[in-house]
Amino acid sequence: MNIIELDVRDLPSPEPMQAALSALVKLKEGDIIHFHHRIKPDMLLPRLNNYFYEMIEDDEVHIYICKKDDALCQQSIKELIGN
């Protein structure tokens, strides 16, 4: 498992979306993207339909993303977030 940290909290719009889309294109089997943003990325969420993801919202937003057919990474995400 390879966790790709994508911290976009300090980036101005539209750079967080561009960074996320670029990371999704490069996503491989066994990879998990940890997308860390200061706000809920409403424009990104519909684009994640072809991926498995879990989102945690508190003072900031953490989204863990992997390929939809990658059961091992899906389990790893659930363990990371405590589900």
C-alpha atoms as a PDB file:
ATOM      1  CA  MET A   1       0.000   0.000   0.000  1.00  0.00           C
ATOM      2  CA  ASN A   2       1.298   3.430  -0.972  1.00  0.00           C
ATOM      3  CA  ILE A   3      -0.330   6.527   0.575  1.00  0.00           C
ATOM      4  CA  ILE A   4      -0.039   9.635  -1.577  1.00  0.00           C
ATOM      5  CA  GLU A   5      -0.380  12.743   0.591  1.00  0.00           C
ATOM      6  CA  LEU A   6      -2.183  15.537  -1.243  1.00  0.00           C
ATOM      7  CA  ASP A   7      -2.395  18.527   1.101  1.00  0.00           C
ATOM      8  CA  VAL A   8      -4.139  21.358  -0.756  1.00  0.00           C
ATOM      9  CA  ARG A   9      -5.209  23.442   2.249  1.00  0.00           C
ATOM     10  CA  ASP A  10      -3.068  26.412   1.290  1.00  0.00           C
ATOM     11  CA  LEU A  11      -3.702  26.375  -2.457  1.00  0.00           C
ATOM     12  CA  PRO A  12      -5.983  28.970  -4.094  1.00  0.00           C
ATOM     13  CA  SER A  13      -8.878  27.850  -6.274  1.00  0.00           C
ATOM     14  CA  PRO A  14      -8.826  26.067  -8.772  1.00  0.00           C
ATOM     15  CA  GLU A  15      -5.483  24.491  -7.831  1.00  0.00           C
ATOM     16  CA  PRO A  16      -6.934  21.959  -5.324  1.00  0.00           C
ATOM     17  CA  MET A  17      -9.215  20.519  -8.026  1.00  0.00           C
ATOM     18  CA  GLN A  18      -6.386  20.436 -10.557  1.00  0.00           C
ATOM     19  CA  ALA A  19      -4.106  18.663  -8.069  1.00  0.00           C
ATOM     20  CA  ALA A  20      -6.807  16.103  -7.252  1.00  0.00           C
ATOM     21  CA  LEU A  21      -7.599  15.355 -10.894  1.00  0.00           C
ATOM     22  CA  SER A  22      -3.909  14.998 -11.707  1.00  0.00           C
ATOM     23  CA  ALA A  23      -3.447  12.548  -8.817  1.00  0.00           C
ATOM     24  CA  LEU A  24      -6.511  10.525  -9.863  1.00  0.00           C
ATOM     25  CA  VAL A  25      -5.132  10.062 -13.382  1.00  0.00           C
ATOM     26  CA  LYS A  26      -1.912   8.624 -11.908  1.00  0.00           C
ATOM     27  CA  LEU A  27      -3.639   6.409  -9.318  1.00  0.00           C
ATOM     28  CA  LYS A  28      -2.446   2.801  -9.485  1.00  0.00           C
ATOM     29  CA  GLU A  29      -3.568  -0.438  -7.883  1.00  0.00           C
ATOM     30  CA  GLY A  30      -2.323  -0.373  -4.291  1.00  0.00           C
ATOM     31  CA  ASP A  31      -2.307   3.440  -4.063  1.00  0.00           C
ATOM     32  CA  ILE A  32      -4.391   5.507  -1.668  1.00  0.00           C
ATOM     33  CA  ILE A  33      -4.708   9.261  -2.095  1.00  0.00           C
ATOM     34  CA  HIS A  34      -5.108  11.186   1.156  1.00  0.00           C
ATOM     35  CA  PHE A  35      -6.698  14.448  -0.022  1.00  0.00           C
ATOM     36  CA  HIS A  36      -6.535  17.054   2.757  1.00  0.00           C
ATOM     37  CA  HIS A  37      -8.491  20.280   2.269  1.00  0.00           C
ATOM     38  CA  ARG A  38      -9.829  23.057   4.466  1.00  0.00           C
ATOM     39  CA  ILE A  39     -13.338  22.873   2.914  1.00  0.00           C
ATOM     40  CA  LYS A  40     -15.543  20.144   1.463  1.00  0.00           C
ATOM     41  CA  PRO A  41     -14.650  19.919  -2.250  1.00  0.00           C
ATOM     42  CA  ASP A  42     -18.175  19.767  -3.667  1.00  0.00           C
ATOM     43  CA  MET A  43     -16.939  20.030  -7.255  1.00  0.00           C
ATOM     44  CA  LEU A  44     -14.620  17.030  -6.794  1.00  0.00           C
ATOM     45  CA  LEU A  45     -17.052  14.593  -5.166  1.00  0.00           C
ATOM     46  CA  PRO A  46     -19.129  13.824  -8.309  1.00  0.00           C
ATOM     47  CA  ARG A  47     -15.882  12.947 -10.102  1.00  0.00           C
ATOM     48  CA  LEU A  48     -15.174  10.250  -7.535  1.00  0.00           C
ATOM     49  CA  ASN A  49     -18.048   8.013  -8.680  1.00  0.00           C
ATOM     50  CA  ASN A  50     -15.584   5.638 -10.339  1.00  0.00           C
ATOM     51  CA  TYR A  51     -13.469   5.359  -7.184  1.00  0.00           C
ATOM     52  CA  PHE A  52     -13.895   4.080  -3.658  1.00  0.00           C
ATOM     53  CA  TYR A  53     -13.572   6.864  -1.098  1.00  0.00           C
ATOM     54  CA  GLU A  54     -14.257   7.703   2.508  1.00  0.00           C
ATOM     55  CA  MET A  55     -14.487  11.239   3.809  1.00  0.00           C
ATOM     56  CA  ILE A  56     -13.931  12.600   7.305  1.00  0.00           C
ATOM     57  CA  GLU A  57     -15.118  16.107   8.091  1.00  0.00           C
ATOM     58  CA  ASP A  58     -14.124  17.928  11.241  1.00  0.00           C
ATOM     59  CA  ASP A  59     -12.349  21.295  11.273  1.00  0.00           C
ATOM     60  CA  GLU A  60     -10.899  20.218   7.925  1.00  0.00           C
ATOM     61  CA  VAL A  61     -11.705  17.576   5.337  1.00  0.00           C
ATOM     62  CA  HIS A  62      -9.819  14.325   4.757  1.00  0.00           C
ATOM     63  CA  ILE A  63     -10.741  12.150   1.786  1.00  0.00           C
ATOM     64  CA  TYR A  64      -9.110   8.772   1.239  1.00  0.00           C
ATOM     65  CA  ILE A  65      -9.417   7.552  -2.350  1.00  0.00           C
ATOM     66  CA  CYS A  66      -8.468   4.309  -4.110  1.00  0.00           C
ATOM     67  CA  LYS A  67      -9.516   2.334  -7.156  1.00  0.00           C
ATOM     68  CA  LYS A  68     -13.030   0.945  -6.898  1.00  0.00           C
ATOM     69  CA  ASP A  69     -11.935  -2.649  -7.533  1.00  0.00           C
ATOM     70  CA  ASP A  70      -8.988  -2.569  -5.087  1.00  0.00           C
ATOM     71  CA  ALA A  71     -10.445  -4.464  -2.107  1.00  0.00           C
ATOM     72  CA  LEU A  72      -7.164  -4.460  -0.155  1.00  0.00           C
ATOM     73  CA  CYS A  73      -6.865  -0.665  -0.320  1.00  0.00           C
ATOM     74  CA  GLN A  74     -10.542  -0.254   0.538  1.00  0.00           C
ATOM     75  CA  GLN A  75      -9.973  -2.304   3.684  1.00  0.00           C
ATOM     76  CA  SER A  76      -6.853  -0.277   4.474  1.00  0.00           C
ATOM     77  CA  ILE A  77      -8.839   2.955   4.192  1.00  0.00           C
ATOM     78  CA  LYS A  78     -11.495   1.629   6.569  1.00  0.00           C
ATOM     79  CA  GLU A  79      -8.763   0.716   9.050  1.00  0.00           C
ATOM     80  CA  LEU A  80      -7.093   4.134   8.674  1.00  0.00           C
ATOM     81  CA  ILE A  81     -10.277   5.992   9.528  1.00  0.00           C
ATOM     82  CA  GLY A  82     -11.427   3.553  12.171  1.00  0.00           C
ATOM     83  CA  ASN A  83     -14.448   1.999  10.430  1.00  0.00           C
END
